[in-house]
PDB file of N, CA and C in Angstrom:
ATOM      1  N   MET A   1       0.726  -1.223   0.033  1.00  0.00           N
ATOM      2  CA  MET A   1       0.022  -0.118   0.004  1.00  0.00           C
ATOM      3  C   MET A   1       0.993   1.320   0.051  1.00  0.00           C
ATOM      4  N   SER A   2       0.554   1.988  -0.987  1.00  0.00           N
ATOM      5  CA  SER A   2       1.377   3.384  -1.002  1.00  0.00           C
ATOM      6  C   SER A   2       0.881   4.340   0.118  1.00  0.00           C
ATOM      7  N   ILE A   3       1.724   5.570   0.235  1.00  0.00           N
ATOM      8  CA  ILE A   3       1.415   6.598   1.122  1.00  0.00           C
ATOM      9  C   ILE A   3       0.049   7.095   0.416  1.00  0.00           C
ATOM     10  N   LEU A   4      -0.044   7.325  -0.846  1.00  0.00           N
ATOM     11  CA  LEU A   4      -1.238   7.854  -1.275  1.00  0.00           C
ATOM     12  C   LEU A   4      -2.658   7.146  -0.905  1.00  0.00           C
ATOM     13  N   ASP A   5      -2.330   5.710  -1.149  1.00  0.00           N
ATOM     14  CA  ASP A   5      -3.455   4.926  -0.898  1.00  0.00           C
ATOM     15  C   ASP A   5      -3.919   4.990   0.741  1.00  0.00           C
ATOM     16  N   SER A   6      -2.930   5.204   1.548  1.00  0.00           N
ATOM     17  CA  SER A   6      -3.362   5.225   3.033  1.00  0.00           C
ATOM     18  C   SER A   6      -3.752   6.562   3.296  1.00  0.00           C
ATOM     19  N   ALA A   7      -3.404   7.649   2.648  1.00  0.00           N
ATOM     20  CA  ALA A   7      -3.959   8.875   2.881  1.00  0.00           C
ATOM     21  C   ALA A   7      -5.336   9.037   2.283  1.00  0.00           C
ATOM     22  N   ARG A   8      -5.857   8.328   1.165  1.00  0.00           N
ATOM     23  CA  ARG A   8      -7.078   8.233   0.915  1.00  0.00           C
ATOM     24  C   ARG A   8      -8.040   7.476   1.691  1.00  0.00           C
ATOM     25  N   LEU A   9      -7.469   6.267   2.209  1.00  0.00           N
ATOM     26  CA  LEU A   9      -8.256   5.502   3.105  1.00  0.00           C
ATOM     27  C   LEU A   9      -8.590   6.247   4.578  1.00  0.00           C
ATOM     28  N   ARG A  10      -7.504   7.217   4.900  1.00  0.00           N
ATOM     29  CA  ARG A  10      -7.728   7.864   6.131  1.00  0.00           C
ATOM     30  C   ARG A  10      -8.778   8.996   5.947  1.00  0.00           C
ATOM     31  N   LYS A  11      -8.755   9.676   4.908  1.00  0.00           N
ATOM     32  CA  LYS A  11      -9.926  10.524   4.415  1.00  0.00           C
ATOM     33  C   LYS A  11     -11.339  10.009   4.308  1.00  0.00           C
ATOM     34  N   ARG A  12     -11.431   8.713   3.773  1.00  0.00           N
ATOM     35  CA  ARG A  12     -12.595   8.067   3.758  1.00  0.00           C
ATOM     36  C   ARG A  12     -13.022   7.614   5.169  1.00  0.00           C
ATOM     37  N   LEU A  13     -12.181   7.222   5.909  1.00  0.00           N
ATOM     38  CA  LEU A  13     -12.762   6.632   7.418  1.00  0.00           C
ATOM     39  C   LEU A  13     -13.200   8.103   8.058  1.00  0.00           C
ATOM     40  N   ILE A  14     -12.369   9.260   7.784  1.00  0.00           N
ATOM     41  CA  ILE A  14     -12.773  10.607   8.564  1.00  0.00           C
ATOM     42  C   ILE A  14     -13.919  10.741   8.006  1.00  0.00           C
ATOM     43  N   GLY A  15     -14.311  10.732   6.643  1.00  0.00           N
ATOM     44  CA  GLY A  15     -15.641  11.091   5.967  1.00  0.00           C
ATOM     45  C   GLY A  15     -16.699  10.390   6.639  1.00  0.00           C
ATOM     46  N   ALA A  16     -16.440   9.031   6.916  1.00  0.00           N
ATOM     47  CA  ALA A  16     -17.526   8.157   7.158  1.00  0.00           C
ATOM     48  C   ALA A  16     -17.904   8.356   8.760  1.00  0.00           C
ATOM     49  N   LEU A  17     -16.878   8.565   9.630  1.00  0.00           N
ATOM     50  CA  LEU A  17     -17.090   8.958  10.792  1.00  0.00           C
ATOM     51  C   LEU A  17     -17.889  10.245  10.876  1.00  0.00           C
ATOM     52  N   ILE A  18     -17.762  11.245  10.401  1.00  0.00           N
ATOM     53  CA  ILE A  18     -18.313  12.312  10.409  1.00  0.00           C
ATOM     54  C   ILE A  18     -19.894  12.231   9.968  1.00  0.00           C
ATOM     55  N   ILE A  19     -19.991  11.482   9.053  1.00  0.00           N
ATOM     56  CA  ILE A  19     -21.251  11.159   8.659  1.00  0.00           C
ATOM     57  C   ILE A  19     -22.098  10.493   9.622  1.00  0.00           C
ATOM     58  N   VAL A  20     -21.416   9.420  10.279  1.00  0.00           N
ATOM     59  CA  VAL A  20     -22.062   8.686  11.333  1.00  0.00           C
ATOM     60  C   VAL A  20     -22.389   9.519  12.666  1.00  0.00           C
ATOM     61  N   ALA A  21     -21.489  10.416  12.684  1.00  0.00           N
ATOM     62  CA  ALA A  21     -21.743  11.487  14.062  1.00  0.00           C
ATOM     63  C   ALA A  21     -23.008  12.203  13.590  1.00  0.00           C
ATOM     64  N   LEU A  22     -22.890  12.796  12.534  1.00  0.00           N
ATOM     65  CA  LEU A  22     -24.348  13.478  12.271  1.00  0.00           C
ATOM     66  C   LEU A  22     -25.613  12.846  12.131  1.00  0.00           C
ATOM     67  N   ILE A  23     -25.327  11.580  11.660  1.00  0.00           N
ATOM     68  CA  ILE A  23     -26.653  10.690  11.805  1.00  0.00           C
ATOM     69  C   ILE A  23     -27.115  10.485  13.104  1.00  0.00           C
ATOM     70  N   LEU A  24     -26.304  10.374  14.121  1.00  0.00           N
ATOM     71  CA  LEU A  24     -26.487  10.201  15.445  1.00  0.00           C
ATOM     72  C   LEU A  24     -26.912  11.446  16.224  1.00  0.00           C
ATOM     73  N   THR A  25     -26.268  12.416  15.953  1.00  0.00           N
ATOM     74  CA  THR A  25     -26.508  13.820  16.672  1.00  0.00           C
ATOM     75  C   THR A  25     -27.802  14.747  16.125  1.00  0.00           C
ATOM     76  N   VAL A  26     -27.745  14.725  14.796  1.00  0.00           N
ATOM     77  CA  VAL A  26     -28.684  15.734  14.367  1.00  0.00           C
ATOM     78  C   VAL A  26     -30.199  15.383  14.880  1.00  0.00           C
ATOM     79  N   PRO A  27     -30.846  14.197  14.668  1.00  0.00           N
ATOM     80  CA  PRO A  27     -32.040  13.922  15.218  1.00  0.00           C
ATOM     81  C   PRO A  27     -32.284  14.117  16.633  1.00  0.00           C
ATOM     82  N   HIS A  28     -31.213  13.814  17.346  1.00  0.00           N
ATOM     83  CA  HIS A  28     -31.272  14.055  18.890  1.00  0.00           C
ATOM     84  C   HIS A  28     -31.409  15.672  19.090  1.00  0.00           C
ATOM     85  N   PHE A  29     -30.641  16.463  18.419  1.00  0.00           N
ATOM     86  CA  PHE A  29     -30.555  17.939  18.497  1.00  0.00           C
ATOM     87  C   PHE A  29     -31.903  18.406  18.145  1.00  0.00           C
ATOM     88  N   LEU A  30     -32.602  18.051  17.089  1.00  0.00           N
ATOM     89  CA  LEU A  30     -33.672  18.329  16.740  1.00  0.00           C
ATOM     90  C   LEU A  30     -34.963  18.111  17.467  1.00  0.00           C
ATOM     91  N   ALA A  31     -34.929  16.830  17.923  1.00  0.00           N
ATOM     92  CA  ALA A  31     -35.927  16.397  19.102  1.00  0.00           C
ATOM     93  C   ALA A  31     -36.139  17.224  20.220  1.00  0.00           C
ATOM     94  N   THR A  32     -34.477  17.340  20.927  1.00  0.00           N
ATOM     95  CA  THR A  32     -34.401  18.180  22.164  1.00  0.00           C
ATOM     96  C   THR A  32     -34.712  19.652  22.084  1.00  0.00           C
ATOM     97  N   THR A  33     -34.753  20.155  20.934  1.00  0.00           N
ATOM     98  CA  THR A  33     -35.043  21.577  20.847  1.00  0.00           C
ATOM     99  C   THR A  33     -36.467  21.933  20.582  1.00  0.00           C
ATOM    100  N   SER A  34     -37.280  21.012  20.337  1.00  0.00           N
ATOM    101  CA  SER A  34     -38.541  21.254  20.121  1.00  0.00           C
ATOM    102  C   SER A  34     -39.428  21.614  21.303  1.00  0.00           C
ATOM    103  N   GLY A  35     -40.283  22.373  21.133  1.00  0.00           N
ATOM    104  CA  GLY A  35     -41.189  23.005  22.356  1.00  0.00           C
ATOM    105  C   GLY A  35     -41.688  21.964  22.916  1.00  0.00           C
ATOM    106  N   ALA A  36     -42.244  20.943  22.231  1.00  0.00           N
ATOM    107  CA  ALA A  36     -43.152  19.806  23.062  1.00  0.00           C
ATOM    108  C   ALA A  36     -42.108  19.123  23.842  1.00  0.00           C
ATOM    109  N   TYR A  37     -40.878  18.889  23.465  1.00  0.00           N
ATOM    110  CA  TYR A  37     -39.836  17.954  24.187  1.00  0.00           C
ATOM    111  C   TYR A  37     -39.415  18.819  25.352  1.00  0.00           C
ATOM    112  N   LYS A  38     -39.211  20.291  25.282  1.00  0.00           N
ATOM    113  CA  LYS A  38     -38.736  21.011  26.465  1.00  0.00           C
ATOM    114  C   LYS A  38     -39.845  20.935  27.642  1.00  0.00           C
ATOM    115  N   LEU A  39     -41.132  21.331  27.048  1.00  0.00           N
ATOM    116  CA  LEU A  39     -42.296  21.431  27.810  1.00  0.00           C
ATOM    117  C   LEU A  39     -42.277  20.291  28.694  1.00  0.00           C
ATOM    118  N   ALA A  40     -42.470  18.900  28.181  1.00  0.00           N
ATOM    119  CA  ALA A  40     -42.562  17.692  28.782  1.00  0.00           C
ATOM    120  C   ALA A  40     -41.475  17.488  29.813  1.00  0.00           C
ATOM    121  N   VAL A  41     -40.201  17.866  29.513  1.00  0.00           N
ATOM    122  CA  VAL A  41     -39.090  17.621  30.480  1.00  0.00           C
ATOM    123  C   VAL A  41     -39.234  18.618  31.522  1.00  0.00           C
ATOM    124  N   ALA A  42     -39.501  19.777  31.408  1.00  0.00           N
ATOM    125  CA  ALA A  42     -39.645  20.945  32.272  1.00  0.00           C
ATOM    126  C   ALA A  42     -40.801  20.369  33.301  1.00  0.00           C
ATOM    127  N   THR A  43     -41.844  19.922  32.723  1.00  0.00           N
ATOM    128  CA  THR A  43     -43.071  19.842  33.542  1.00  0.00           C
ATOM    129  C   THR A  43     -42.988  18.687  34.439  1.00  0.00           C
ATOM    130  N   ALA A  44     -42.109  17.438  33.855  1.00  0.00           N
ATOM    131  CA  ALA A  44     -41.792  16.188  34.591  1.00  0.00           C
ATOM    132  C   ALA A  44     -40.831  16.669  35.746  1.00  0.00           C
ATOM    133  N   HIS A  45     -39.558  17.681  35.637  1.00  0.00           N
ATOM    134  CA  HIS A  45     -38.779  17.852  36.539  1.00  0.00           C
ATOM    135  C   HIS A  45     -39.468  18.630  37.647  1.00  0.00           C
ATOM    136  N   HIS A  46     -40.692  19.152  37.572  1.00  0.00           N
ATOM    137  CA  HIS A  46     -41.468  20.018  38.577  1.00  0.00           C
ATOM    138  C   HIS A  46     -42.228  19.257  39.200  1.00  0.00           C
ATOM    139  N   LYS A  47     -42.400  17.958  38.812  1.00  0.00           N
ATOM    140  CA  LYS A  47     -43.369  16.998  39.833  1.00  0.00           C
ATOM    141  C   LYS A  47     -42.682  16.385  40.773  1.00  0.00           C
ATOM    142  N   ALA A  48     -42.820  16.476  42.011  1.00  0.00           N
ATOM    143  CA  ALA A  48     -42.188  15.881  43.155  1.00  0.00           C
ATOM    144  C   ALA A  48     -42.135  14.279  42.896  1.00  0.00           C
ATOM    145  N   GLN A  49     -43.108  13.850  42.401  1.00  0.00           N
ATOM    146  CA  GLN A  49     -43.344  12.337  42.114  1.00  0.00           C
ATOM    147  C   GLN A  49     -42.182  11.716  41.362  1.00  0.00           C
ATOM    148  N   PHE A  50     -41.961  12.578  40.443  1.00  0.00           N
ATOM    149  CA  PHE A  50     -41.035  12.203  39.332  1.00  0.00           C
ATOM    150  C   PHE A  50     -39.758  12.049  40.040  1.00  0.00           C
ATOM    151  N   THR A  51     -39.422  13.171  40.700  1.00  0.00           N
ATOM    152  CA  THR A  51     -38.003  13.125  41.338  1.00  0.00           C
ATOM    153  C   THR A  51     -37.952  12.037  42.288  1.00  0.00           C
ATOM    154  N   LYS A  52     -39.023  12.065  43.006  1.00  0.00           N
ATOM    155  CA  LYS A  52     -38.991  10.933  44.137  1.00  0.00           C
ATOM    156  C   LYS A  52     -38.785   9.401  43.671  1.00  0.00           C
ATOM    157  N   THR A  53     -39.631   9.316  42.622  1.00  0.00           N
ATOM    158  CA  THR A  53     -39.552   7.908  42.013  1.00  0.00           C
ATOM    159  C   THR A  53     -38.044   7.570  41.402  1.00  0.00           C
ATOM    160  N   LEU A  54     -37.501   8.236  40.590  1.00  0.00           N
ATOM    161  CA  LEU A  54     -36.366   7.974  40.017  1.00  0.00           C
ATOM    162  C   LEU A  54     -35.257   8.338  40.799  1.00  0.00           C
ATOM    163  N   GLY A  55     -34.915   9.415  41.645  1.00  0.00           N
ATOM    164  CA  GLY A  55     -33.974   9.767  42.340  1.00  0.00           C
ATOM    165  C   GLY A  55     -33.030  10.714  41.831  1.00  0.00           C
ATOM    166  N   PRO A  56     -32.890  11.878  42.464  1.00  0.00           N
ATOM    167  CA  PRO A  56     -31.839  12.909  41.761  1.00  0.00           C
ATOM    168  C   PRO A  56     -30.498  12.454  41.784  1.00  0.00           C
ATOM    169  N   PRO A  57     -29.933  12.926  40.891  1.00  0.00           N
ATOM    170  CA  PRO A  57     -30.047  13.790  39.750  1.00  0.00           C
ATOM    171  C   PRO A  57     -30.803  13.020  38.613  1.00  0.00           C
ATOM    172  N   ILE A  58     -31.825  13.495  37.856  1.00  0.00           N
ATOM    173  CA  ILE A  58     -32.303  12.837  36.680  1.00  0.00           C
ATOM    174  C   ILE A  58     -31.974  13.437  35.528  1.00  0.00           C
ATOM    175  N   LYS A  59     -31.562  12.734  34.482  1.00  0.00           N
ATOM    176  CA  LYS A  59     -31.145  13.014  33.161  1.00  0.00           C
ATOM    177  C   LYS A  59     -31.870  12.437  32.107  1.00  0.00           C
ATOM    178  N   GLU A  60     -32.028  13.150  31.064  1.00  0.00           N
ATOM    179  CA  GLU A  60     -32.750  12.547  29.872  1.00  0.00           C
ATOM    180  C   GLU A  60     -31.576  11.734  28.982  1.00  0.00           C
ATOM    181  N   ALA A  61     -31.936  10.667  28.553  1.00  0.00           N
ATOM    182  CA  ALA A  61     -30.833   9.908  27.921  1.00  0.00           C
ATOM    183  C   ALA A  61     -30.919  10.370  26.267  1.00  0.00           C
ATOM    184  N   TRP A  62     -30.001   9.769  25.543  1.00  0.00           N
ATOM    185  CA  TRP A  62     -30.054   9.878  24.094  1.00  0.00           C
ATOM    186  C   TRP A  62     -31.207   9.054  23.486  1.00  0.00           C
ATOM    187  N   PHE A  63     -31.402   9.289  22.243  1.00  0.00           N
ATOM    188  CA  PHE A  63     -32.176   8.175  21.251  1.00  0.00           C
ATOM    189  C   PHE A  63     -33.681   8.104  21.841  1.00  0.00           C
ATOM    190  N   SER A  64     -34.342   9.412  22.142  1.00  0.00           N
ATOM    191  CA  SER A  64     -35.568   9.508  22.360  1.00  0.00           C
ATOM    192  C   SER A  64     -36.370   9.090  20.945  1.00  0.00           C
ATOM    193  N   GLU A  65     -37.531   8.920  21.071  1.00  0.00           N
ATOM    194  CA  GLU A  65     -38.311   8.314  19.930  1.00  0.00           C
ATOM    195  C   GLU A  65     -39.328   9.147  19.782  1.00  0.00           C
ATOM    196  N   GLY A  66     -40.067   9.278  18.606  1.00  0.00           N
ATOM    197  CA  GLY A  66     -41.081  10.037  18.629  1.00  0.00           C
ATOM    198  C   GLY A  66     -41.497  10.810  17.064  1.00  0.00           C
ATOM    199  N   LYS A  67     -42.556  11.496  17.132  1.00  0.00           N
ATOM    200  CA  LYS A  67     -42.815  12.161  15.868  1.00  0.00           C
ATOM    201  C   LYS A  67     -43.681  13.497  16.127  1.00  0.00           C
ATOM    202  N   GLN A  68     -43.405  14.328  15.125  1.00  0.00           N
ATOM    203  CA  GLN A  68     -44.205  15.590  15.158  1.00  0.00           C
ATOM    204  C   GLN A  68     -44.849  15.735  14.054  1.00  0.00           C
ATOM    205  N   VAL A  69     -46.138  16.248  14.002  1.00  0.00           N
ATOM    206  CA  VAL A  69     -47.019  16.110  12.727  1.00  0.00           C
ATOM    207  C   VAL A  69     -47.218  17.824  12.650  1.00  0.00           C
ATOM    208  N   TRP A  70     -46.725  18.503  11.663  1.00  0.00           N
ATOM    209  CA  TRP A  70     -47.052  19.843  11.489  1.00  0.00           C
ATOM    210  C   TRP A  70     -48.322  20.306  10.717  1.00  0.00           C
ATOM    211  N   SER A  71     -49.547  19.841  11.231  1.00  0.00           N
ATOM    212  CA  SER A  71     -50.765  20.171  10.653  1.00  0.00           C
ATOM    213  C   SER A  71     -51.560  21.392  11.371  1.00  0.00           C
ATOM    214  N   ASN A  72     -52.574  21.431  11.326  1.00  0.00           N
ATOM    215  CA  ASN A  72     -53.243  22.321  12.089  1.00  0.00           C
ATOM    216  C   ASN A  72     -54.554  21.731  12.582  1.00  0.00           C
ATOM    217  N   PRO A  73     -54.266  21.516  14.246  1.00  0.00           N
ATOM    218  CA  PRO A  73     -53.037  21.791  14.945  1.00  0.00           C
ATOM    219  C   PRO A  73     -51.888  20.798  14.947  1.00  0.00           C
ATOM    220  N   ALA A  74     -50.698  21.333  15.143  1.00  0.00           N
ATOM    221  CA  ALA A  74     -49.658  20.498  15.155  1.00  0.00           C
ATOM    222  C   ALA A  74     -49.767  19.337  16.400  1.00  0.00           C
ATOM    223  N   THR A  75     -49.148  18.308  16.239  1.00  0.00           N
ATOM    224  CA  THR A  75     -49.199  17.350  17.087  1.00  0.00           C
ATOM    225  C   THR A  75     -47.778  16.924  17.692  1.00  0.00           C
ATOM    226  N   ALA A  76     -47.428  16.133  18.711  1.00  0.00           N
ATOM    227  CA  ALA A  76     -46.257  15.481  18.990  1.00  0.00           C
ATOM    228  C   ALA A  76     -46.301  14.358  19.839  1.00  0.00           C
ATOM    229  N   GLU A  77     -45.815  13.109  19.503  1.00  0.00           N
ATOM    230  CA  GLU A  77     -45.894  12.111  20.264  1.00  0.00           C
ATOM    231  C   GLU A  77     -44.416  11.581  20.617  1.00  0.00           C
ATOM    232  N   MET A  78     -43.971  11.624  21.737  1.00  0.00           N
ATOM    233  CA  MET A  78     -42.590  11.125  22.119  1.00  0.00           C
ATOM    234  C   MET A  78     -42.162  10.163  23.158  1.00  0.00           C
ATOM    235  N   LEU A  79     -41.335   9.448  23.159  1.00  0.00           N
ATOM    236  CA  LEU A  79     -40.799   8.730  24.232  1.00  0.00           C
ATOM    237  C   LEU A  79     -39.307   8.972  24.534  1.00  0.00           C
ATOM    238  N   ILE A  80     -39.307   9.433  25.650  1.00  0.00           N
ATOM    239  CA  ILE A  80     -38.131  10.004  26.425  1.00  0.00           C
ATOM    240  C   ILE A  80     -37.553   9.258  27.398  1.00  0.00           C
ATOM    241  N   PRO A  81     -36.400   8.484  27.160  1.00  0.00           N
ATOM    242  CA  PRO A  81     -35.500   7.968  28.131  1.00  0.00           C
ATOM    243  C   PRO A  81     -35.047   8.769  29.466  1.00  0.00           C
ATOM    244  N   VAL A  82     -35.403   8.317  30.505  1.00  0.00           N
ATOM    245  CA  VAL A  82     -34.973   9.038  31.621  1.00  0.00           C
ATOM    246  C   VAL A  82     -34.177   8.319  32.795  1.00  0.00           C
ATOM    247  N   ARG A  83     -33.218   8.652  33.403  1.00  0.00           N
ATOM    248  CA  ARG A  83     -32.462   7.928  34.213  1.00  0.00           C
ATOM    249  C   ARG A  83     -32.277   8.733  35.558  1.00  0.00           C
ATOM    250  N   GLY A  84     -32.560   8.248  36.591  1.00  0.00           N
ATOM    251  CA  GLY A  84     -32.226   8.881  37.839  1.00  0.00           C
ATOM    252  C   GLY A  84     -31.164   8.037  38.674  1.00  0.00           C
ATOM    253  N   GLN A  85     -30.891   8.469  40.090  1.00  0.00           N
ATOM    254  CA  GLN A  85     -30.071   7.665  40.788  1.00  0.00           C
ATOM    255  C   GLN A  85     -30.458   6.351  41.177  1.00  0.00           C
ATOM    256  N   MET A  86     -31.808   6.215  41.423  1.00  0.00           N
ATOM    257  CA  MET A  86     -32.314   4.763  42.021  1.00  0.00           C
ATOM    258  C   MET A  86     -32.915   3.988  40.761  1.00  0.00           C
ATOM    259  N   ARG A  87     -33.658   4.768  39.851  1.00  0.00           N
ATOM    260  CA  ARG A  87     -34.402   3.823  38.808  1.00  0.00           C
ATOM    261  C   ARG A  87     -34.245   4.599  37.293  1.00  0.00           C
ATOM    262  N   SER A  88     -34.686   3.975  36.298  1.00  0.00           N
ATOM    263  CA  SER A  88     -34.736   4.484  35.023  1.00  0.00           C
ATOM    264  C   SER A  88     -36.383   4.462  34.497  1.00  0.00           C
ATOM    265  N   GLY A  89     -36.582   5.121  33.433  1.00  0.00           N
ATOM    266  CA  GLY A  89     -37.908   4.691  32.675  1.00  0.00           C
ATOM    267  C   GLY A  89     -37.844   5.668  31.473  1.00  0.00           C
ATOM    268  N   ASN A  90     -39.214   5.804  30.937  1.00  0.00           N
ATOM    269  CA  ASN A  90     -39.411   6.509  29.937  1.00  0.00           C
ATOM    270  C   ASN A  90     -40.406   7.604  30.394  1.00  0.00           C
ATOM    271  N   LEU A  91     -40.323   8.687  29.619  1.00  0.00           N
ATOM    272  CA  LEU A  91     -41.539   9.697  29.657  1.00  0.00           C
ATOM    273  C   LEU A  91     -42.327   9.492  28.319  1.00  0.00           C
ATOM    274  N   ARG A  92     -43.527   9.196  28.364  1.00  0.00           N
ATOM    275  CA  ARG A  92     -44.430   9.055  27.258  1.00  0.00           C
ATOM    276  C   ARG A  92     -45.259  10.341  27.383  1.00  0.00           C
ATOM    277  N   VAL A  93     -44.965  11.042  25.964  1.00  0.00           N
ATOM    278  CA  VAL A  93     -45.364  12.361  25.935  1.00  0.00           C
ATOM    279  C   VAL A  93     -46.535  12.512  24.622  1.00  0.00           C
ATOM    280  N   ARG A  94     -47.512  12.882  24.853  1.00  0.00           N
ATOM    281  CA  ARG A  94     -48.299  13.546  23.725  1.00  0.00           C
ATOM    282  C   ARG A  94     -48.688  15.006  24.112  1.00  0.00           C
ATOM    283  N   ALA A  95     -48.597  15.851  22.968  1.00  0.00           N
ATOM    284  CA  ALA A  95     -48.784  17.382  23.049  1.00  0.00           C
ATOM    285  C   ALA A  95     -49.547  17.744  21.959  1.00  0.00           C
ATOM    286  N   ILE A  96     -50.168  18.972  21.984  1.00  0.00           N
ATOM    287  CA  ILE A  96     -50.909  19.484  21.002  1.00  0.00           C
ATOM    288  C   ILE A  96     -50.302  21.130  20.782  1.00  0.00           C
ATOM    289  N   LYS A  97     -50.144  21.584  19.500  1.00  0.00           N
ATOM    290  CA  LYS A  97     -49.838  22.938  19.504  1.00  0.00           C
ATOM    291  C   LYS A  97     -51.081  23.899  19.176  1.00  0.00           C
ATOM    292  N   GLU A  98     -51.515  24.668  20.214  1.00  0.00           N
ATOM    293  CA  GLU A  98     -52.979  25.334  19.916  1.00  0.00           C
ATOM    294  C   GLU A  98     -52.505  26.916  20.120  1.00  0.00           C
ATOM    295  N   ALA A  99     -52.889  27.658  19.207  1.00  0.00           N
ATOM    296  CA  ALA A  99     -52.497  29.114  19.267  1.00  0.00           C
ATOM    297  C   ALA A  99     -51.199  29.451  19.613  1.00  0.00           C
ATOM    298  N   GLY A 100     -50.289  28.553  18.833  1.00  0.00           N
ATOM    299  CA  GLY A 100     -48.766  29.048  18.903  1.00  0.00           C
ATOM    300  C   GLY A 100     -48.096  28.615  20.337  1.00  0.00           C
ATOM    301  N   GLN A 101     -48.950  27.863  21.095  1.00  0.00           N
ATOM    302  CA  GLN A 101     -48.254  27.167  22.443  1.00  0.00           C
ATOM    303  C   GLN A 101     -48.506  25.744  22.466  1.00  0.00           C
ATOM    304  N   TRP A 102     -47.538  24.848  22.834  1.00  0.00           N
ATOM    305  CA  TRP A 102     -47.666  23.456  23.337  1.00  0.00           C
ATOM    306  C   TRP A 102     -48.463  23.295  24.522  1.00  0.00           C
ATOM    307  N   ARG A 103     -49.340  22.242  24.401  1.00  0.00           N
ATOM    308  CA  ARG A 103     -49.979  21.998  25.666  1.00  0.00           C
ATOM    309  C   ARG A 103     -49.809  20.391  25.812  1.00  0.00           C
ATOM    310  N   LEU A 104     -49.455  19.958  26.867  1.00  0.00           N
ATOM    311  CA  LEU A 104     -49.568  18.532  27.199  1.00  0.00           C
ATOM    312  C   LEU A 104     -51.010  17.813  27.279  1.00  0.00           C
ATOM    313  N   THR A 105     -51.147  16.717  26.379  1.00  0.00           N
ATOM    314  CA  THR A 105     -52.227  15.982  26.616  1.00  0.00           C
ATOM    315  C   THR A 105     -52.026  14.531  27.538  1.00  0.00           C
ATOM    316  N   GLU A 106     -50.633  14.353  27.626  1.00  0.00           N
ATOM    317  CA  GLU A 106     -50.394  13.156  28.164  1.00  0.00           C
ATOM    318  C   GLU A 106     -48.812  13.089  28.672  1.00  0.00           C
ATOM    319  N   LEU A 107     -48.631  12.904  29.904  1.00  0.00           N
ATOM    320  CA  LEU A 107     -47.185  12.981  30.492  1.00  0.00           C
ATOM    321  C   LEU A 107     -47.156  11.628  31.349  1.00  0.00           C
ATOM    322  N   MET A 108     -46.491  10.557  30.912  1.00  0.00           N
ATOM    323  CA  MET A 108     -46.504   9.228  31.767  1.00  0.00           C
ATOM    324  C   MET A 108     -45.234   8.853  31.982  1.00  0.00           C
ATOM    325  N   LEU A 109     -45.060   8.612  33.180  1.00  0.00           N
ATOM    326  CA  LEU A 109     -43.649   7.969  33.568  1.00  0.00           C
ATOM    327  C   LEU A 109     -43.881   6.373  33.436  1.00  0.00           C
ATOM    328  N   GLU A 110     -43.170   5.897  32.653  1.00  0.00           N
ATOM    329  CA  GLU A 110     -43.264   4.367  32.605  1.00  0.00           C
ATOM    330  C   GLU A 110     -41.910   3.776  33.171  1.00  0.00           C
ATOM    331  N   LEU A 111     -42.082   2.989  34.048  1.00  0.00           N
ATOM    332  CA  LEU A 111     -41.027   2.131  34.788  1.00  0.00           C
ATOM    333  C   LEU A 111     -40.990   0.768  34.403  1.00  0.00           C
ATOM    334  N   ALA A 112     -39.831   0.140  34.255  1.00  0.00           N
ATOM    335  CA  ALA A 112     -39.776  -1.188  33.667  1.00  0.00           C
ATOM    336  C   ALA A 112     -39.790  -2.025  34.762  1.00  0.00           C
ATOM    337  N   SER A 113     -39.090  -1.753  35.835  1.00  0.00           N
ATOM    338  CA  SER A 113     -39.071  -2.700  37.179  1.00  0.00           C
ATOM    339  C   SER A 113     -39.342  -2.003  38.392  1.00  0.00           C
ATOM    340  N   PRO A 114     -40.352  -2.246  39.006  1.00  0.00           N
ATOM    341  CA  PRO A 114     -41.524  -3.103  38.572  1.00  0.00           C
ATOM    342  C   PRO A 114     -42.308  -2.404  37.369  1.00  0.00           C
ATOM    343  N   ASP A 115     -42.964  -3.126  36.833  1.00  0.00           N
ATOM    344  CA  ASP A 115     -43.892  -2.533  35.605  1.00  0.00           C
ATOM    345  C   ASP A 115     -44.853  -1.550  36.359  1.00  0.00           C
ATOM    346  N   GLU A 116     -44.652  -0.162  36.253  1.00  0.00           N
ATOM    347  CA  GLU A 116     -45.524   0.776  36.684  1.00  0.00           C
ATOM    348  C   GLU A 116     -45.784   1.929  35.979  1.00  0.00           C
ATOM    349  N   ARG A 117     -46.736   2.588  35.790  1.00  0.00           N
ATOM    350  CA  ARG A 117     -47.040   3.697  35.002  1.00  0.00           C
ATOM    351  C   ARG A 117     -47.478   4.758  35.902  1.00  0.00           C
ATOM    352  N   ILE A 118     -46.878   6.135  35.909  1.00  0.00           N
ATOM    353  CA  ILE A 118     -47.392   6.954  36.792  1.00  0.00           C
ATOM    354  C   ILE A 118     -47.454   8.366  35.795  1.00  0.00           C
ATOM    355  N   ASP A 119     -49.003   8.869  36.366  1.00  0.00           N
ATOM    356  CA  ASP A 119     -49.456   9.964  35.188  1.00  0.00           C
ATOM    357  C   ASP A 119     -49.068  11.133  35.915  1.00  0.00           C
ATOM    358  N   LEU A 120     -48.039  11.868  35.391  1.00  0.00           N
ATOM    359  CA  LEU A 120     -47.571  13.096  35.740  1.00  0.00           C
ATOM    360  C   LEU A 120     -48.249  14.220  35.493  1.00  0.00           C
ATOM    361  N   LEU A 121     -49.539  14.211  35.070  1.00  0.00           N
ATOM    362  CA  LEU A 121     -50.525  15.392  34.635  1.00  0.00           C
ATOM    363  C   LEU A 121     -51.730  15.466  35.695  1.00  0.00           C
ATOM    364  N   GLY A 122     -51.576  14.426  36.760  1.00  0.00           N
ATOM    365  CA  GLY A 122     -52.483  14.541  37.870  1.00  0.00           C
ATOM    366  C   GLY A 122     -53.173  13.424  38.103  1.00  0.00           C
ATOM    367  N   LYS A 123     -53.222  12.416  37.668  1.00  0.00           N
ATOM    368  CA  LYS A 123     -53.906  11.202  37.904  1.00  0.00           C
ATOM    369  C   LYS A 123     -53.100  10.230  38.762  1.00  0.00           C
ATOM    370  N   ALA A 124     -54.007   9.215  39.480  1.00  0.00           N
ATOM    371  CA  ALA A 124     -53.221   8.333  40.346  1.00  0.00           C
ATOM    372  C   ALA A 124     -52.278   7.235  39.380  1.00  0.00           C
ATOM    373  N   PRO A 125     -51.362   6.679  40.133  1.00  0.00           N
ATOM    374  CA  PRO A 125     -50.335   5.533  39.356  1.00  0.00           C
ATOM    375  C   PRO A 125     -51.414   4.794  38.921  1.00  0.00           C
ATOM    376  N   ILE A 126     -51.066   4.050  37.589  1.00  0.00           N
ATOM    377  CA  ILE A 126     -51.784   3.121  37.043  1.00  0.00           C
ATOM    378  C   ILE A 126     -51.198   1.750  37.311  1.00  0.00           C
TER     379      ILE A 126
END
């Protein structure tokens, strides 16, 4: 292998790594900057039961799932992984955008072990 071939290979590997990094980070960035995501996370963090159940400090993990539909009205459905000192789970979020403002219609903390769901918008545990 010549020096030119190794330089080309190195450039291709660096290019591939940049593409992979963009594929992994851009969707996360777009999701976490949306109004529905920010509202859901802020609302959850203000609920004492959320903090008590997971144990502080609580952080949102990467690779949240979901979709936003930009119709009239706009809607969002998301699954946001969360992890605290004691437990981890997912925030199940549904939101609607009315008159330019996001409003949560569902904010559920889903725990895997034990299987438990806690409605953070006000209802009793399911």
